[in-house]
Amino acid sequence: MKVVDAMMGTPYYCQPDSNLGFATELMWKGNCGFLPVLEPDGRVAGVLTDRDICIALGTRGLPCGRVRAADAMSRNVRVCAPDDELKTAMTVMRDGRVRRLPVVTKDGRLVGVISMDDILLRSSSAAGSISPEEIVSAFRAINTHELSLVAPKAATA
C-alpha cells in the first residue's frame, strides 16, 4: 500500500509567522496535535506539535499571541512522498523517532500528513503489508525515552 492511500489529505497547517494561539486553534479545530509549518511558497519549513507549543509557552512566560510558530517549531523535518510504500514511511518515522510525517511532492510542497495511527489502521494481513510485529517494534523505537536526557532526581528526606 502507498502513503497516498493512507494519508490524510488537505491537512491543517500554519506559517512561520503564525502565533501559537492561532496554531493551537487550528489543532483544536482539526483534532490533531501536529501542524506542518509552510513557507509562503508551500514548502515545509518545519513542524509544530502540541508539545512544542506547551514547552515554548511554559518556558517563555509570554502570551500565546506573542510567540511565533517559527520560535517553537522543529526544523529538522522528516518527510515522505505520496508514492512511498507505507513500510518506507514507517521506517522514516522509526529512524527519526517521530509519529507523524508531512507528505510532500518532489518539489517539497505539502500534500498530506501520515501518522503511525494511519499505518496501524490500514495495515492488513495481505501479502507485502506491514506485520503487527513490525508496527509494535516501530512504536517502541519511537516512544523509547533516552534516559540520559533526563536529569536524575535528587533524593529528598
C-alpha atoms as a PDB file:
ATOM      1  CA  MET A   1       0.000   0.000   0.000  1.00  0.00           C
ATOM      2  CA  LYS A   2       1.208   3.501  -0.826  1.00  0.00           C
ATOM      3  CA  VAL A   3       1.313   6.502   1.504  1.00  0.00           C
ATOM      4  CA  VAL A   4      -1.233   8.303  -0.696  1.00  0.00           C
ATOM      5  CA  ASP A   5      -3.746   5.536   0.086  1.00  0.00           C
ATOM      6  CA  ALA A   6      -3.449   6.027   3.858  1.00  0.00           C
ATOM      7  CA  MET A   7      -2.520   9.680   4.427  1.00  0.00           C
ATOM      8  CA  MET A   8      -4.786  12.484   5.500  1.00  0.00           C
ATOM      9  CA  GLY A   9      -5.044  14.899   2.603  1.00  0.00           C
ATOM     10  CA  THR A  10      -5.569  18.654   2.913  1.00  0.00           C
ATOM     11  CA  PRO A  11      -4.094  18.892   6.404  1.00  0.00           C
ATOM     12  CA  TYR A  12      -4.246  21.954   8.586  1.00  0.00           C
ATOM     13  CA  TYR A  13      -1.027  23.952   8.562  1.00  0.00           C
ATOM     14  CA  CYS A  14       0.325  27.278   9.715  1.00  0.00           C
ATOM     15  CA  GLN A  15       3.090  29.642   8.644  1.00  0.00           C
ATOM     16  CA  PRO A  16       6.297  30.607  10.478  1.00  0.00           C
ATOM     17  CA  ASP A  17       4.835  33.987  11.483  1.00  0.00           C
ATOM     18  CA  SER A  18       1.582  32.463  12.797  1.00  0.00           C
ATOM     19  CA  ASN A  19       1.283  32.910  16.539  1.00  0.00           C
ATOM     20  CA  LEU A  20       0.876  29.934  18.841  1.00  0.00           C
ATOM     21  CA  GLY A  21      -2.687  30.911  19.707  1.00  0.00           C
ATOM     22  CA  PHE A  22      -3.653  30.554  16.046  1.00  0.00           C
ATOM     23  CA  ALA A  23      -1.747  27.256  15.777  1.00  0.00           C
ATOM     24  CA  THR A  24      -3.481  25.925  18.879  1.00  0.00           C
ATOM     25  CA  GLU A  25      -6.872  26.891  17.461  1.00  0.00           C
ATOM     26  CA  LEU A  26      -6.073  25.005  14.241  1.00  0.00           C
ATOM     27  CA  MET A  27      -5.102  21.921  16.242  1.00  0.00           C
ATOM     28  CA  TRP A  28      -8.359  22.175  18.177  1.00  0.00           C
ATOM     29  CA  LYS A  29     -10.442  22.510  15.001  1.00  0.00           C
ATOM     30  CA  GLY A  30      -8.560  19.718  13.261  1.00  0.00           C
ATOM     31  CA  ASN A  31      -8.487  17.422  16.300  1.00  0.00           C
ATOM     32  CA  CYS A  32      -4.763  16.975  15.836  1.00  0.00           C
ATOM     33  CA  GLY A  33      -1.545  17.615  17.714  1.00  0.00           C
ATOM     34  CA  PHE A  34       0.688  18.257  14.698  1.00  0.00           C
ATOM     35  CA  LEU A  35       0.913  21.054  12.151  1.00  0.00           C
ATOM     36  CA  PRO A  36       3.282  21.395   9.229  1.00  0.00           C
ATOM     37  CA  VAL A  37       4.669  24.927   9.073  1.00  0.00           C
ATOM     38  CA  LEU A  38       4.736  26.160   5.485  1.00  0.00           C
ATOM     39  CA  GLU A  39       6.740  28.869   3.797  1.00  0.00           C
ATOM     40  CA  PRO A  40       4.697  31.180   1.525  1.00  0.00           C
ATOM     41  CA  ASP A  41       5.738  29.067  -1.490  1.00  0.00           C
ATOM     42  CA  GLY A  42       4.121  25.972   0.060  1.00  0.00           C
ATOM     43  CA  ARG A  43       7.331  24.212   1.067  1.00  0.00           C
ATOM     44  CA  VAL A  44       7.591  22.694   4.546  1.00  0.00           C
ATOM     45  CA  ALA A  45       9.775  24.849   6.806  1.00  0.00           C
ATOM     46  CA  GLY A  46       9.172  22.856   9.973  1.00  0.00           C
ATOM     47  CA  VAL A  47       6.613  21.067  12.091  1.00  0.00           C
ATOM     48  CA  LEU A  48       4.850  22.135  15.253  1.00  0.00           C
ATOM     49  CA  THR A  49       3.403  19.773  17.838  1.00  0.00           C
ATOM     50  CA  ASP A  50       1.133  20.379  20.789  1.00  0.00           C
ATOM     51  CA  ARG A  51       4.127  19.507  22.964  1.00  0.00           C
ATOM     52  CA  ASP A  52       6.255  22.149  21.207  1.00  0.00           C
ATOM     53  CA  ILE A  53       3.571  24.724  21.996  1.00  0.00           C
ATOM     54  CA  CYS A  54       3.400  23.719  25.677  1.00  0.00           C
ATOM     55  CA  ILE A  55       7.171  23.828  26.105  1.00  0.00           C
ATOM     56  CA  ALA A  56       7.500  27.155  24.254  1.00  0.00           C
ATOM     57  CA  LEU A  57       4.787  28.839  26.311  1.00  0.00           C
ATOM     58  CA  GLY A  58       5.879  27.279  29.583  1.00  0.00           C
ATOM     59  CA  THR A  59       9.473  28.450  29.195  1.00  0.00           C
ATOM     60  CA  ARG A  60       8.940  31.949  27.820  1.00  0.00           C
ATOM     61  CA  GLY A  61       6.359  33.475  30.147  1.00  0.00           C
ATOM     62  CA  LEU A  62       4.681  35.192  27.188  1.00  0.00           C
ATOM     63  CA  PRO A  63       1.081  35.083  25.969  1.00  0.00           C
ATOM     64  CA  CYS A  64       0.473  32.736  23.050  1.00  0.00           C
ATOM     65  CA  GLY A  65      -0.246  35.658  20.747  1.00  0.00           C
ATOM     66  CA  ARG A  66       3.331  36.890  21.161  1.00  0.00           C
ATOM     67  CA  VAL A  67       5.188  33.655  20.309  1.00  0.00           C
ATOM     68  CA  ARG A  68       5.559  32.701  16.657  1.00  0.00           C
ATOM     69  CA  ALA A  69       5.423  29.186  15.244  1.00  0.00           C
ATOM     70  CA  ALA A  70       8.967  29.722  13.927  1.00  0.00           C
ATOM     71  CA  ASP A  71      10.138  30.142  17.536  1.00  0.00           C
ATOM     72  CA  ALA A  72       8.731  26.784  18.645  1.00  0.00           C
ATOM     73  CA  MET A  73       8.774  24.537  15.579  1.00  0.00           C
ATOM     74  CA  SER A  74      11.168  21.699  14.840  1.00  0.00           C
ATOM     75  CA  ARG A  75      13.247  22.467  11.773  1.00  0.00           C
ATOM     76  CA  ASN A  76      14.798  19.045  11.293  1.00  0.00           C
ATOM     77  CA  VAL A  77      11.820  17.663   9.400  1.00  0.00           C
ATOM     78  CA  ARG A  78      11.457  14.076   8.227  1.00  0.00           C
ATOM     79  CA  VAL A  79       9.142  13.674   5.242  1.00  0.00           C
ATOM     80  CA  CYS A  80       7.875  11.055   2.848  1.00  0.00           C
ATOM     81  CA  ALA A  81       6.385  11.072  -0.651  1.00  0.00           C
ATOM     82  CA  PRO A  82       2.853  10.084  -1.692  1.00  0.00           C
ATOM     83  CA  ASP A  83       4.169   7.186  -3.782  1.00  0.00           C
ATOM     84  CA  ASP A  84       6.341   5.747  -0.977  1.00  0.00           C
ATOM     85  CA  GLU A  85       5.308   2.389   0.444  1.00  0.00           C
ATOM     86  CA  LEU A  86       3.796   2.519   3.946  1.00  0.00           C
ATOM     87  CA  LYS A  87       6.712   0.438   5.177  1.00  0.00           C
ATOM     88  CA  THR A  88       9.121   3.130   3.932  1.00  0.00           C
ATOM     89  CA  ALA A  89       7.204   5.859   5.771  1.00  0.00           C
ATOM     90  CA  MET A  90       7.175   3.758   8.930  1.00  0.00           C
ATOM     91  CA  THR A  91      10.947   3.288   8.668  1.00  0.00           C
ATOM     92  CA  VAL A  92      11.432   7.055   8.348  1.00  0.00           C
ATOM     93  CA  MET A  93       9.258   7.542  11.451  1.00  0.00           C
ATOM     94  CA  ARG A  94      11.129   4.878  13.409  1.00  0.00           C
ATOM     95  CA  ASP A  95      14.574   6.186  12.454  1.00  0.00           C
ATOM     96  CA  GLY A  96      13.558   9.787  13.156  1.00  0.00           C
ATOM     97  CA  ARG A  97      11.650   8.846  16.317  1.00  0.00           C
ATOM     98  CA  VAL A  98       8.545  10.722  15.138  1.00  0.00           C
ATOM     99  CA  ARG A  99       4.916   9.593  14.900  1.00  0.00           C
ATOM    100  CA  ARG A 100       3.820  11.832  12.039  1.00  0.00           C
ATOM    101  CA  LEU A 101       5.295  12.893   8.719  1.00  0.00           C
ATOM    102  CA  PRO A 102       4.433  15.595   6.245  1.00  0.00           C
ATOM    103  CA  VAL A 103       3.817  14.047   2.836  1.00  0.00           C
ATOM    104  CA  VAL A 104       5.460  16.190   0.174  1.00  0.00           C
ATOM    105  CA  THR A 105       5.846  16.251  -3.584  1.00  0.00           C
ATOM    106  CA  LYS A 106       9.262  16.101  -5.250  1.00  0.00           C
ATOM    107  CA  ASP A 107       9.485  19.889  -5.105  1.00  0.00           C
ATOM    108  CA  GLY A 108       8.753  19.885  -1.344  1.00  0.00           C
ATOM    109  CA  ARG A 109       5.122  21.025  -1.391  1.00  0.00           C
ATOM    110  CA  LEU A 110       2.764  19.642   1.243  1.00  0.00           C
ATOM    111  CA  VAL A 111       0.037  17.260   0.036  1.00  0.00           C
ATOM    112  CA  GLY A 112      -0.844  15.445   3.247  1.00  0.00           C
ATOM    113  CA  VAL A 113       0.198  14.038   6.611  1.00  0.00           C
ATOM    114  CA  ILE A 114       0.632  10.406   7.582  1.00  0.00           C
ATOM    115  CA  SER A 115       0.796   9.098  11.134  1.00  0.00           C
ATOM    116  CA  MET A 116       1.604   5.832  12.829  1.00  0.00           C
ATOM    117  CA  ASP A 117      -2.137   5.619  13.576  1.00  0.00           C
ATOM    118  CA  ASP A 118      -2.870   5.755   9.835  1.00  0.00           C
ATOM    119  CA  ILE A 119      -0.395   2.950   9.213  1.00  0.00           C
ATOM    120  CA  LEU A 120      -1.794   0.836  12.041  1.00  0.00           C
ATOM    121  CA  LEU A 121      -5.394   1.302  10.944  1.00  0.00           C
ATOM    122  CA  ARG A 122      -4.687   0.480   7.311  1.00  0.00           C
ATOM    123  CA  SER A 123      -2.229  -2.371   7.639  1.00  0.00           C
ATOM    124  CA  SER A 124      -3.634  -5.787   6.879  1.00  0.00           C
ATOM    125  CA  SER A 125      -2.633  -9.400   6.643  1.00  0.00           C
ATOM    126  CA  ALA A 126      -2.314  -9.150   2.834  1.00  0.00           C
ATOM    127  CA  ALA A 127       0.973 -10.109   1.216  1.00  0.00           C
ATOM    128  CA  GLY A 128       3.502  -7.283   1.275  1.00  0.00           C
ATOM    129  CA  SER A 129       1.820  -5.459   4.130  1.00  0.00           C
ATOM    130  CA  ILE A 130       3.382  -4.478   7.423  1.00  0.00           C
ATOM    131  CA  SER A 131       3.211  -7.126  10.116  1.00  0.00           C
ATOM    132  CA  PRO A 132       1.868  -6.319  13.587  1.00  0.00           C
ATOM    133  CA  GLU A 133       5.318  -7.125  14.968  1.00  0.00           C
ATOM    134  CA  GLU A 134       6.927  -4.509  12.697  1.00  0.00           C
ATOM    135  CA  ILE A 135       4.409  -1.890  13.812  1.00  0.00           C
ATOM    136  CA  VAL A 136       4.947  -2.684  17.504  1.00  0.00           C
ATOM    137  CA  SER A 137       8.710  -2.568  17.003  1.00  0.00           C
ATOM    138  CA  ALA A 138       8.439   0.855  15.332  1.00  0.00           C
ATOM    139  CA  PHE A 139       6.169   2.196  18.111  1.00  0.00           C
ATOM    140  CA  ARG A 140       8.655   1.008  20.721  1.00  0.00           C
ATOM    141  CA  ALA A 141      11.579   2.643  18.910  1.00  0.00           C
ATOM    142  CA  ILE A 142       9.696   5.921  18.516  1.00  0.00           C
ATOM    143  CA  ASN A 143       8.484   6.036  22.110  1.00  0.00           C
ATOM    144  CA  THR A 144      11.594   4.825  23.909  1.00  0.00           C
ATOM    145  CA  HIS A 145      12.848   7.710  26.009  1.00  0.00           C
ATOM    146  CA  GLU A 146      16.530   8.377  26.176  1.00  0.00           C
ATOM    147  CA  LEU A 147      17.100   8.345  29.895  1.00  0.00           C
ATOM    148  CA  SER A 148      20.408  10.132  29.554  1.00  0.00           C
ATOM    149  CA  LEU A 149      18.454  13.279  28.620  1.00  0.00           C
ATOM    150  CA  VAL A 150      16.573  13.244  31.930  1.00  0.00           C
ATOM    151  CA  ALA A 151      18.386  14.749  34.875  1.00  0.00           C
ATOM    152  CA  PRO A 152      18.479  12.445  37.892  1.00  0.00           C
ATOM    153  CA  LYS A 153      16.001  13.460  40.574  1.00  0.00           C
ATOM    154  CA  ALA A 154      17.560  14.498  43.846  1.00  0.00           C
ATOM    155  CA  ALA A 155      16.572  12.366  46.807  1.00  0.00           C
ATOM    156  CA  THR A 156      14.543  14.125  49.454  1.00  0.00           C
ATOM    157  CA  ALA A 157      14.122  13.190  53.054  1.00  0.00           C
END
